[in-house]
Every structure is written in structure tokens, then in C-alpha cells.
């Protein structure tokens, strides 16, 4: 004979336990909803998390002037500079995306190299807008343009100082690559090696892609030409340039005795003497 009394007690206990768990779950849900609503209100409807001031960081060596930086910020926020802080304070920190802000500013001003945005004192923006440095310049008919280290044309420039880039492209536009990106990367690596590693100044670079490979003619400040094409890997090429500059020229000949050095042939370096 079964003990029904025990079964009934067990059933009552199970129902009581279920009600207790359900009530606890309801309390947790209500508390979570209340806390989320409160937190949302604090974030978006109180001045605690709102940007209430923008300040420019101390100028660096390649920063824009404070006046130009203010004009850039004014155009970006589409607000007069005197109302800029008031305009910004309408949005919280969470509604601003650093990367998106930087990308938009660079699209507005191709001369911008980097933008540094730091949070100061919790809801203060400190901004530093750094301008690009000219790596090369190129000219098309009567107009000249500055080219940055990445090969991007970023401004018209009437001052023709620095390394001149002569290339076969028929047109040049702001905020575009001056030549094919792959060709520019190859050329810039060679230039950086010659200038920074070997300490030799370069006067101009001429490019011609009439043949299968891109021909590169580099004129040094001393008047000697380097002839190169991009069929070679960078490391063997830089090694050949190092040997020509530091071993052959200093021992067998002098800079004043040659007009050009040709690196276009495999495992051979040709010197053309005056």
C-alpha cells in the first residue's frame, strides 16, 4: 500500500518551490529593467556623460596653427566656433566614434595626417590635428602638387622644393594616389633606403612604364643617376646599392668620376664613367 500522504506533501513542496523561484525571477527582471532604465537616463539625458568642452592640445612641430585647427573643427561640427561647445554638449560620449570622427575630418581636409583625440577630465575633448609632411612633389603642366609618404596627392603647391617626381600619369587629383599604389610602395622603399639608411640626398625621381617593368631613374643631389626597375626584390637591390656606394665607389672610383650606376641587370652592377 502506497503512502499518499508523502506524495501529497512532496507535490505541495514542489509547487511552493516553483512559486518561490518565479517570484525571485520576477524581482530580478524588475530590478534589471529599473537599473537599465536608470543607467540609460544617466547616459543620455544628464550632463554627466556629455562632452561639454573641446580644447586644442599644445601645438607640436607639425601641427596646424590654432586658427586653422579652429576652422577645421568649425567646419566639421557645422557650427560657429563660439557655439561649438554648446553644439557638442547635445551629444554624449557614446554617440561619438573616434575613428569615424577622424575619417570624416580627413575626408574634409586631405592635408590632415593624424588626429589625436584624448578624453580629459571625463567629458572634455582634447584634440590635436597634425598636418602631412611632403615626401615628394610632382607637376602637371603649370600646376604642382605635394605627395605624402603614402603616395597620396594632398594639396597644390607652388613651392617646388624637395624631391621632384616625374611620372607618366596624365592627370593628378587631390586625395588620390599619384601613381599605381604598388609601384609607389616599391619606389618609396628604395628612396627611404638611399636617404635614411645611406644618408644620400636625392634630387628627383623619374618613372617610365613603357616596358614590362617599371623603370626608375633616381638622380642624386651630386648629379649621379641610379637606374633601377621593379623586377628585383627589394633586399637584393638594396644590397647591390650598398655594395656600389660603400665598397666599389670608395675603393675603385669616386663620385666625381661617374655619371650613372645601373642596377637593372641580375647580379651585375654597371658604372658609366665620364
C-alpha atoms as a PDB file:
ATOM      1  CA  UNK A   1       0.000   0.000   0.000  1.00  0.00           C
ATOM      2  CA  UNK A   2       1.384   3.435  -1.127  1.00  0.00           C
ATOM      3  CA  UNK A   3       1.863   6.347   1.236  1.00  0.00           C
ATOM      4  CA  UNK A   4      -0.354   9.047  -0.416  1.00  0.00           C
ATOM      5  CA  UNK A   5       0.317  11.415   2.452  1.00  0.00           C
ATOM      6  CA  UNK A   6       4.001  11.593   1.499  1.00  0.00           C
ATOM      7  CA  UNK A   7       3.156  12.116  -2.196  1.00  0.00           C
ATOM      8  CA  UNK A   8       0.819  14.990  -1.396  1.00  0.00           C
ATOM      9  CA  UNK A   9       3.422  16.637   0.803  1.00  0.00           C
ATOM     10  CA  UNK A  10       6.018  16.290  -1.933  1.00  0.00           C
ATOM     11  CA  UNK A  11       3.654  17.810  -4.508  1.00  0.00           C
ATOM     12  CA  UNK A  12       2.879  20.764  -2.228  1.00  0.00           C
ATOM     13  CA  UNK A  13       6.583  21.301  -1.649  1.00  0.00           C
ATOM     14  CA  UNK A  14       7.299  21.315  -5.420  1.00  0.00           C
ATOM     15  CA  UNK A  15       4.545  23.879  -6.072  1.00  0.00           C
ATOM     16  CA  UNK A  16       5.800  26.092  -3.241  1.00  0.00           C
ATOM     17  CA  UNK A  17       9.400  25.904  -4.591  1.00  0.00           C
ATOM     18  CA  UNK A  18       8.225  26.796  -8.131  1.00  0.00           C
ATOM     19  CA  UNK A  19       6.329  29.863  -6.855  1.00  0.00           C
ATOM     20  CA  UNK A  20       9.353  30.987  -4.871  1.00  0.00           C
ATOM     21  CA  UNK A  21      11.642  30.713  -7.951  1.00  0.00           C
ATOM     22  CA  UNK A  22       9.102  32.503 -10.126  1.00  0.00           C
ATOM     23  CA  UNK A  23       8.799  35.387  -7.671  1.00  0.00           C
ATOM     24  CA  UNK A  24      12.550  35.680  -7.432  1.00  0.00           C
ATOM     25  CA  UNK A  25      12.833  35.777 -11.238  1.00  0.00           C
ATOM     26  CA  UNK A  26      10.195  38.491 -11.450  1.00  0.00           C
ATOM     27  CA  UNK A  27      12.020  40.573  -8.844  1.00  0.00           C
ATOM     28  CA  UNK A  28      15.315  40.189 -10.691  1.00  0.00           C
ATOM     29  CA  UNK A  29      13.679  41.168 -14.010  1.00  0.00           C
ATOM     30  CA  UNK A  30      12.016  44.230 -12.481  1.00  0.00           C
ATOM     31  CA  UNK A  31      15.260  45.288 -10.814  1.00  0.00           C
ATOM     32  CA  UNK A  32      17.221  44.792 -14.066  1.00  0.00           C
ATOM     33  CA  UNK A  33      14.682  46.805 -16.046  1.00  0.00           C
ATOM     34  CA  UNK A  34      14.712  49.572 -13.458  1.00  0.00           C
ATOM     35  CA  UNK A  35      18.512  49.685 -13.317  1.00  0.00           C
ATOM     36  CA  UNK A  36      18.835  49.654 -17.134  1.00  0.00           C
ATOM     37  CA  UNK A  37      16.309  52.490 -17.472  1.00  0.00           C
ATOM     38  CA  UNK A  38      18.102  54.480 -14.796  1.00  0.00           C
ATOM     39  CA  UNK A  39      21.514  53.888 -16.393  1.00  0.00           C
ATOM     40  CA  UNK A  40      20.164  54.799 -19.842  1.00  0.00           C
ATOM     41  CA  UNK A  41      18.731  58.017 -18.442  1.00  0.00           C
ATOM     42  CA  UNK A  42      22.055  58.887 -16.792  1.00  0.00           C
ATOM     43  CA  UNK A  43      23.976  58.256 -20.012  1.00  0.00           C
ATOM     44  CA  UNK A  44      21.769  60.099 -22.465  1.00  0.00           C
ATOM     45  CA  UNK A  45      19.708  62.641 -20.551  1.00  0.00           C
ATOM     46  CA  UNK A  46      22.057  64.038 -17.937  1.00  0.00           C
ATOM     47  CA  UNK A  47      25.138  66.239 -18.470  1.00  0.00           C
ATOM     48  CA  UNK A  48      27.338  63.746 -16.656  1.00  0.00           C
ATOM     49  CA  UNK A  49      28.496  61.912 -19.814  1.00  0.00           C
ATOM     50  CA  UNK A  50      28.108  64.770 -22.292  1.00  0.00           C
ATOM     51  CA  UNK A  51      31.057  66.438 -23.961  1.00  0.00           C
ATOM     52  CA  UNK A  52      30.891  69.939 -22.596  1.00  0.00           C
ATOM     53  CA  UNK A  53      34.188  71.357 -23.841  1.00  0.00           C
ATOM     54  CA  UNK A  54      36.678  70.947 -26.683  1.00  0.00           C
ATOM     55  CA  UNK A  55      40.201  72.228 -26.335  1.00  0.00           C
ATOM     56  CA  UNK A  56      43.193  72.154 -28.639  1.00  0.00           C
ATOM     57  CA  UNK A  57      46.291  70.431 -27.316  1.00  0.00           C
ATOM     58  CA  UNK A  58      49.589  72.350 -27.185  1.00  0.00           C
ATOM     59  CA  UNK A  59      50.890  72.777 -30.766  1.00  0.00           C
ATOM     60  CA  UNK A  60      53.501  70.306 -31.982  1.00  0.00           C
ATOM     61  CA  UNK A  61      56.147  70.864 -34.605  1.00  0.00           C
ATOM     62  CA  UNK A  62      53.926  69.728 -37.478  1.00  0.00           C
ATOM     63  CA  UNK A  63      50.543  70.785 -36.133  1.00  0.00           C
ATOM     64  CA  UNK A  64      48.234  73.224 -37.827  1.00  0.00           C
ATOM     65  CA  UNK A  65      48.104  76.662 -36.255  1.00  0.00           C
ATOM     66  CA  UNK A  66      45.343  77.135 -33.611  1.00  0.00           C
ATOM     67  CA  UNK A  67      43.451  79.383 -36.049  1.00  0.00           C
ATOM     68  CA  UNK A  68      43.432  76.724 -38.795  1.00  0.00           C
ATOM     69  CA  UNK A  69      42.536  73.985 -36.294  1.00  0.00           C
ATOM     70  CA  UNK A  70      39.546  76.022 -35.120  1.00  0.00           C
ATOM     71  CA  UNK A  71      38.386  76.463 -38.718  1.00  0.00           C
ATOM     72  CA  UNK A  72      38.636  72.694 -39.265  1.00  0.00           C
ATOM     73  CA  UNK A  73      36.580  71.985 -36.140  1.00  0.00           C
ATOM     74  CA  UNK A  74      34.053  74.652 -37.074  1.00  0.00           C
ATOM     75  CA  UNK A  75      33.503  73.095 -40.490  1.00  0.00           C
ATOM     76  CA  UNK A  76      33.339  69.572 -39.084  1.00  0.00           C
ATOM     77  CA  UNK A  77      30.705  70.370 -36.463  1.00  0.00           C
ATOM     78  CA  UNK A  78      28.909  72.798 -38.806  1.00  0.00           C
ATOM     79  CA  UNK A  79      28.678  75.344 -36.029  1.00  0.00           C
ATOM     80  CA  UNK A  80      30.236  78.768 -35.342  1.00  0.00           C
ATOM     81  CA  UNK A  81      33.297  78.465 -33.173  1.00  0.00           C
ATOM     82  CA  UNK A  82      31.737  80.464 -30.334  1.00  0.00           C
ATOM     83  CA  UNK A  83      28.820  77.984 -30.177  1.00  0.00           C
ATOM     84  CA  UNK A  84      30.964  74.910 -30.738  1.00  0.00           C
ATOM     85  CA  UNK A  85      30.955  73.677 -27.151  1.00  0.00           C
ATOM     86  CA  UNK A  86      27.227  74.236 -26.864  1.00  0.00           C
ATOM     87  CA  UNK A  87      26.667  72.259 -30.052  1.00  0.00           C
ATOM     88  CA  UNK A  88      28.838  69.363 -28.891  1.00  0.00           C
ATOM     89  CA  UNK A  89      27.231  69.147 -25.452  1.00  0.00           C
ATOM     90  CA  UNK A  90      23.990  67.923 -27.022  1.00  0.00           C
ATOM     91  CA  UNK A  91      25.618  64.548 -27.600  1.00  0.00           C
ATOM     92  CA  UNK A  92      27.111  62.096 -25.157  1.00  0.00           C
ATOM     93  CA  UNK A  93      30.483  60.420 -25.390  1.00  0.00           C
ATOM     94  CA  UNK A  94      28.815  57.217 -26.538  1.00  0.00           C
ATOM     95  CA  UNK A  95      27.410  58.878 -29.653  1.00  0.00           C
ATOM     96  CA  UNK A  96      30.845  59.904 -30.876  1.00  0.00           C
ATOM     97  CA  UNK A  97      33.060  57.405 -32.605  1.00  0.00           C
ATOM     98  CA  UNK A  98      36.750  58.329 -32.623  1.00  0.00           C
ATOM     99  CA  UNK A  99      37.616  56.512 -35.835  1.00  0.00           C
ATOM    100  CA  UNK A 100      34.559  57.834 -37.646  1.00  0.00           C
ATOM    101  CA  UNK A 101      35.360  61.373 -36.487  1.00  0.00           C
ATOM    102  CA  UNK A 102      38.957  61.092 -37.677  1.00  0.00           C
ATOM    103  CA  UNK A 103      37.919  59.629 -41.036  1.00  0.00           C
ATOM    104  CA  UNK A 104      35.387  62.405 -41.639  1.00  0.00           C
ATOM    105  CA  UNK A 105      37.911  65.115 -40.804  1.00  0.00           C
ATOM    106  CA  UNK A 106      40.475  63.577 -43.170  1.00  0.00           C
ATOM    107  CA  UNK A 107      37.893  63.500 -45.964  1.00  0.00           C
ATOM    108  CA  UNK A 108      37.158  67.189 -45.379  1.00  0.00           C
ATOM    109  CA  UNK A 109      40.844  68.118 -45.234  1.00  0.00           C
ATOM    110  CA  UNK A 110      43.251  65.912 -47.254  1.00  0.00           C
ATOM    111  CA  UNK A 111      46.182  67.797 -45.673  1.00  0.00           C
ATOM    112  CA  UNK A 112      45.478  66.131 -42.321  1.00  0.00           C
ATOM    113  CA  UNK A 113      47.943  63.387 -41.425  1.00  0.00           C
ATOM    114  CA  UNK A 114      46.745  62.324 -37.972  1.00  0.00           C
ATOM    115  CA  UNK A 115      44.115  63.399 -35.481  1.00  0.00           C
ATOM    116  CA  UNK A 116      44.666  62.704 -31.808  1.00  0.00           C
ATOM    117  CA  UNK A 117      41.564  62.827 -29.606  1.00  0.00           C
ATOM    118  CA  UNK A 118      42.022  62.385 -25.870  1.00  0.00           C
ATOM    119  CA  UNK A 119      39.403  62.384 -23.146  1.00  0.00           C
ATOM    120  CA  UNK A 120      40.335  64.913 -20.489  1.00  0.00           C
ATOM    121  CA  UNK A 121      38.571  65.253 -17.155  1.00  0.00           C
ATOM    122  CA  UNK A 122      35.931  62.718 -18.133  1.00  0.00           C
ATOM    123  CA  UNK A 123      33.865  64.871 -20.541  1.00  0.00           C
ATOM    124  CA  UNK A 124      36.412  67.170 -22.175  1.00  0.00           C
ATOM    125  CA  UNK A 125      37.853  66.510 -25.588  1.00  0.00           C
ATOM    126  CA  UNK A 126      41.477  67.492 -26.258  1.00  0.00           C
ATOM    127  CA  UNK A 127      42.188  67.466 -29.977  1.00  0.00           C
ATOM    128  CA  UNK A 128      45.447  67.728 -31.875  1.00  0.00           C
ATOM    129  CA  UNK A 129      45.294  67.957 -35.667  1.00  0.00           C
ATOM    130  CA  UNK A 130      48.616  67.144 -37.347  1.00  0.00           C
ATOM    131  CA  UNK A 131      49.342  68.083 -40.938  1.00  0.00           C
ATOM    132  CA  UNK A 132      51.077  65.957 -43.550  1.00  0.00           C
ATOM    133  CA  UNK A 133      54.708  66.354 -44.492  1.00  0.00           C
ATOM    134  CA  UNK A 134      55.697  66.464 -48.142  1.00  0.00           C
ATOM    135  CA  UNK A 135      57.608  63.393 -49.286  1.00  0.00           C
ATOM    136  CA  UNK A 136      57.689  64.252 -52.992  1.00  0.00           C
ATOM    137  CA  UNK A 137      56.203  66.856 -55.268  1.00  0.00           C
ATOM    138  CA  UNK A 138      55.016  66.443 -58.838  1.00  0.00           C
ATOM    139  CA  UNK A 139      53.974  68.846 -61.570  1.00  0.00           C
ATOM    140  CA  UNK A 140      51.481  68.610 -64.397  1.00  0.00           C
ATOM    141  CA  UNK A 141      51.720  71.405 -66.945  1.00  0.00           C
ATOM    142  CA  UNK A 142      51.846  74.557 -64.779  1.00  0.00           C
ATOM    143  CA  UNK A 143      50.400  73.072 -61.568  1.00  0.00           C
ATOM    144  CA  UNK A 144      52.470  71.386 -58.873  1.00  0.00           C
ATOM    145  CA  UNK A 145      51.218  69.127 -56.069  1.00  0.00           C
ATOM    146  CA  UNK A 146      52.573  67.770 -52.784  1.00  0.00           C
ATOM    147  CA  UNK A 147      52.641  63.988 -52.301  1.00  0.00           C
ATOM    148  CA  UNK A 148      52.750  62.387 -48.839  1.00  0.00           C
ATOM    149  CA  UNK A 149      54.694  59.313 -47.679  1.00  0.00           C
ATOM    150  CA  UNK A 150      51.832  57.010 -48.748  1.00  0.00           C
ATOM    151  CA  UNK A 151      51.709  58.330 -52.315  1.00  0.00           C
ATOM    152  CA  UNK A 152      48.567  60.437 -51.824  1.00  0.00           C
ATOM    153  CA  UNK A 153      48.336  63.833 -53.513  1.00  0.00           C
ATOM    154  CA  UNK A 154      47.089  66.165 -50.797  1.00  0.00           C
ATOM    155  CA  UNK A 155      47.485  69.796 -51.894  1.00  0.00           C
ATOM    156  CA  UNK A 156      48.524  72.171 -54.659  1.00  0.00           C
ATOM    157  CA  UNK A 157      51.935  73.620 -54.002  1.00  0.00           C
ATOM    158  CA  UNK A 158      53.702  76.387 -55.869  1.00  0.00           C
ATOM    159  CA  UNK A 159      56.878  75.901 -53.843  1.00  0.00           C
ATOM    160  CA  UNK A 160      58.986  73.420 -55.797  1.00  0.00           C
ATOM    161  CA  UNK A 161      61.368  72.318 -53.070  1.00  0.00           C
ATOM    162  CA  UNK A 162      62.310  68.760 -52.218  1.00  0.00           C
ATOM    163  CA  UNK A 163      62.341  65.630 -54.371  1.00  0.00           C
ATOM    164  CA  UNK A 164      60.661  66.014 -57.763  1.00  0.00           C
ATOM    165  CA  UNK A 165      58.613  63.060 -59.044  1.00  0.00           C
ATOM    166  CA  UNK A 166      58.286  62.791 -62.810  1.00  0.00           C
ATOM    167  CA  UNK A 167      55.748  60.144 -63.815  1.00  0.00           C
ATOM    168  CA  UNK A 168      53.779  59.093 -66.930  1.00  0.00           C
ATOM    169  CA  UNK A 169      50.309  59.761 -65.467  1.00  0.00           C
ATOM    170  CA  UNK A 170      48.308  62.273 -67.499  1.00  0.00           C
ATOM    171  CA  UNK A 171      46.232  63.668 -64.645  1.00  0.00           C
ATOM    172  CA  UNK A 172      46.632  64.405 -60.948  1.00  0.00           C
ATOM    173  CA  UNK A 173      43.805  64.824 -58.451  1.00  0.00           C
ATOM    174  CA  UNK A 174      43.754  65.730 -54.777  1.00  0.00           C
ATOM    175  CA  UNK A 175      43.262  62.816 -52.368  1.00  0.00           C
ATOM    176  CA  UNK A 176      44.223  60.153 -54.923  1.00  0.00           C
ATOM    177  CA  UNK A 177      47.369  58.080 -55.492  1.00  0.00           C
ATOM    178  CA  UNK A 178      49.907  59.887 -57.635  1.00  0.00           C
ATOM    179  CA  UNK A 179      50.791  56.606 -59.410  1.00  0.00           C
ATOM    180  CA  UNK A 180      49.848  52.968 -59.028  1.00  0.00           C
ATOM    181  CA  UNK A 181      49.999  52.147 -55.308  1.00  0.00           C
ATOM    182  CA  UNK A 182      52.185  49.050 -55.729  1.00  0.00           C
ATOM    183  CA  UNK A 183      54.689  50.954 -57.873  1.00  0.00           C
ATOM    184  CA  UNK A 184      54.790  53.796 -55.348  1.00  0.00           C
ATOM    185  CA  UNK A 185      55.443  51.462 -52.411  1.00  0.00           C
ATOM    186  CA  UNK A 186      58.380  49.896 -54.277  1.00  0.00           C
ATOM    187  CA  UNK A 187      59.812  53.273 -55.259  1.00  0.00           C
ATOM    188  CA  UNK A 188      59.398  54.797 -51.797  1.00  0.00           C
ATOM    189  CA  UNK A 189      61.202  51.861 -50.143  1.00  0.00           C
ATOM    190  CA  UNK A 190      64.206  52.462 -52.396  1.00  0.00           C
ATOM    191  CA  UNK A 191      64.152  56.209 -51.735  1.00  0.00           C
ATOM    192  CA  UNK A 192      63.879  55.726 -47.977  1.00  0.00           C
ATOM    193  CA  UNK A 193      66.816  53.329 -48.054  1.00  0.00           C
ATOM    194  CA  UNK A 194      69.004  55.733 -50.047  1.00  0.00           C
ATOM    195  CA  UNK A 195      68.050  58.793 -47.995  1.00  0.00           C
ATOM    196  CA  UNK A 196      67.689  57.398 -44.475  1.00  0.00           C
ATOM    197  CA  UNK A 197      69.999  54.379 -44.398  1.00  0.00           C
ATOM    198  CA  UNK A 198      72.785  55.543 -46.696  1.00  0.00           C
ATOM    199  CA  UNK A 199      72.469  59.267 -45.933  1.00  0.00           C
ATOM    200  CA  UNK A 200      72.482  60.328 -49.587  1.00  0.00           C
ATOM    201  CA  UNK A 201      70.278  63.201 -50.736  1.00  0.00           C
ATOM    202  CA  UNK A 202      68.042  62.690 -53.768  1.00  0.00           C
ATOM    203  CA  UNK A 203      67.152  65.411 -56.263  1.00  0.00           C
ATOM    204  CA  UNK A 204      64.490  63.767 -58.436  1.00  0.00           C
ATOM    205  CA  UNK A 205      62.799  60.505 -59.415  1.00  0.00           C
ATOM    206  CA  UNK A 206      61.590  59.730 -62.936  1.00  0.00           C
ATOM    207  CA  UNK A 207      59.306  56.807 -63.701  1.00  0.00           C
ATOM    208  CA  UNK A 208      58.597  55.170 -67.038  1.00  0.00           C
ATOM    209  CA  UNK A 209      56.487  52.043 -67.561  1.00  0.00           C
ATOM    210  CA  UNK A 210      56.887  51.694 -71.312  1.00  0.00           C
ATOM    211  CA  UNK A 211      58.441  48.255 -70.888  1.00  0.00           C
ATOM    212  CA  UNK A 212      57.267  45.223 -68.940  1.00  0.00           C
ATOM    213  CA  UNK A 213      58.752  46.500 -65.691  1.00  0.00           C
ATOM    214  CA  UNK A 214      58.649  49.971 -64.211  1.00  0.00           C
ATOM    215  CA  UNK A 215      61.885  51.804 -64.936  1.00  0.00           C
ATOM    216  CA  UNK A 216      63.048  54.077 -62.121  1.00  0.00           C
ATOM    217  CA  UNK A 217      65.642  56.801 -62.653  1.00  0.00           C
ATOM    218  CA  UNK A 218      66.873  58.360 -59.416  1.00  0.00           C
ATOM    219  CA  UNK A 219      69.018  61.490 -59.624  1.00  0.00           C
ATOM    220  CA  UNK A 220      71.197  62.116 -56.590  1.00  0.00           C
ATOM    221  CA  UNK A 221      71.990  65.600 -55.359  1.00  0.00           C
ATOM    222  CA  UNK A 222      75.574  65.135 -56.612  1.00  0.00           C
ATOM    223  CA  UNK A 223      74.302  64.593 -60.168  1.00  0.00           C
ATOM    224  CA  UNK A 224      74.816  60.800 -60.382  1.00  0.00           C
ATOM    225  CA  UNK A 225      71.892  58.703 -61.705  1.00  0.00           C
ATOM    226  CA  UNK A 226      70.718  55.322 -60.391  1.00  0.00           C
ATOM    227  CA  UNK A 227      68.882  53.150 -62.947  1.00  0.00           C
ATOM    228  CA  UNK A 228      66.532  50.553 -61.443  1.00  0.00           C
ATOM    229  CA  UNK A 229      63.460  48.545 -62.417  1.00  0.00           C
ATOM    230  CA  UNK A 230      60.946  46.823 -60.157  1.00  0.00           C
ATOM    231  CA  UNK A 231      61.705  43.311 -61.402  1.00  0.00           C
ATOM    232  CA  UNK A 232      64.082  42.841 -58.466  1.00  0.00           C
ATOM    233  CA  UNK A 233      63.204  42.034 -54.887  1.00  0.00           C
ATOM    234  CA  UNK A 234      63.922  44.890 -52.516  1.00  0.00           C
ATOM    235  CA  UNK A 235      66.533  43.153 -50.362  1.00  0.00           C
ATOM    236  CA  UNK A 236      68.938  42.081 -53.186  1.00  0.00           C
ATOM    237  CA  UNK A 237      68.510  45.540 -54.727  1.00  0.00           C
ATOM    238  CA  UNK A 238      69.327  47.437 -51.524  1.00  0.00           C
ATOM    239  CA  UNK A 239      72.274  45.087 -51.005  1.00  0.00           C
ATOM    240  CA  UNK A 240      73.565  45.927 -54.504  1.00  0.00           C
ATOM    241  CA  UNK A 241      73.153  49.663 -53.835  1.00  0.00           C
ATOM    242  CA  UNK A 242      75.024  49.282 -50.538  1.00  0.00           C
ATOM    243  CA  UNK A 243      77.920  47.497 -52.266  1.00  0.00           C
ATOM    244  CA  UNK A 244      78.088  50.131 -55.022  1.00  0.00           C
ATOM    245  CA  UNK A 245      78.053  53.064 -52.590  1.00  0.00           C
ATOM    246  CA  UNK A 246      80.167  51.731 -49.722  1.00  0.00           C
ATOM    247  CA  UNK A 247      82.587  49.310 -51.333  1.00  0.00           C
ATOM    248  CA  UNK A 248      83.142  49.987 -55.021  1.00  0.00           C
ATOM    249  CA  UNK A 249      82.926  53.793 -55.149  1.00  0.00           C
ATOM    250  CA  UNK A 250      85.086  54.392 -52.086  1.00  0.00           C
ATOM    251  CA  UNK A 251      87.796  51.963 -53.252  1.00  0.00           C
ATOM    252  CA  UNK A 252      87.848  51.775 -57.046  1.00  0.00           C
ATOM    253  CA  UNK A 253      86.402  55.066 -58.203  1.00  0.00           C
ATOM    254  CA  UNK A 254      84.986  58.364 -56.950  1.00  0.00           C
ATOM    255  CA  UNK A 255      81.586  60.019 -57.300  1.00  0.00           C
ATOM    256  CA  UNK A 256      83.116  62.748 -59.492  1.00  0.00           C
ATOM    257  CA  UNK A 257      84.332  60.149 -61.984  1.00  0.00           C
ATOM    258  CA  UNK A 258      80.953  58.580 -62.823  1.00  0.00           C
ATOM    259  CA  UNK A 259      77.657  59.722 -64.335  1.00  0.00           C
ATOM    260  CA  UNK A 260      75.412  56.738 -63.551  1.00  0.00           C
ATOM    261  CA  UNK A 261      75.115  53.329 -61.891  1.00  0.00           C
ATOM    262  CA  UNK A 262      72.835  50.714 -63.462  1.00  0.00           C
ATOM    263  CA  UNK A 263      71.184  48.096 -61.207  1.00  0.00           C
ATOM    264  CA  UNK A 264      68.747  46.672 -63.776  1.00  0.00           C
ATOM    265  CA  UNK A 265      70.772  43.557 -64.595  1.00  0.00           C
ATOM    266  CA  UNK A 266      70.775  40.429 -62.465  1.00  0.00           C
ATOM    267  CA  UNK A 267      73.797  40.064 -60.170  1.00  0.00           C
ATOM    268  CA  UNK A 268      75.686  42.804 -62.020  1.00  0.00           C
ATOM    269  CA  UNK A 269      76.305  46.500 -61.405  1.00  0.00           C
ATOM    270  CA  UNK A 270      77.332  48.699 -64.312  1.00  0.00           C
ATOM    271  CA  UNK A 271      79.141  52.017 -63.841  1.00  0.00           C
ATOM    272  CA  UNK A 272      79.218  54.637 -66.551  1.00  0.00           C
ATOM    273  CA  UNK A 273      82.250  56.870 -66.256  1.00  0.00           C
ATOM    274  CA  UNK A 274      82.602  60.416 -67.533  1.00  0.00           C
END
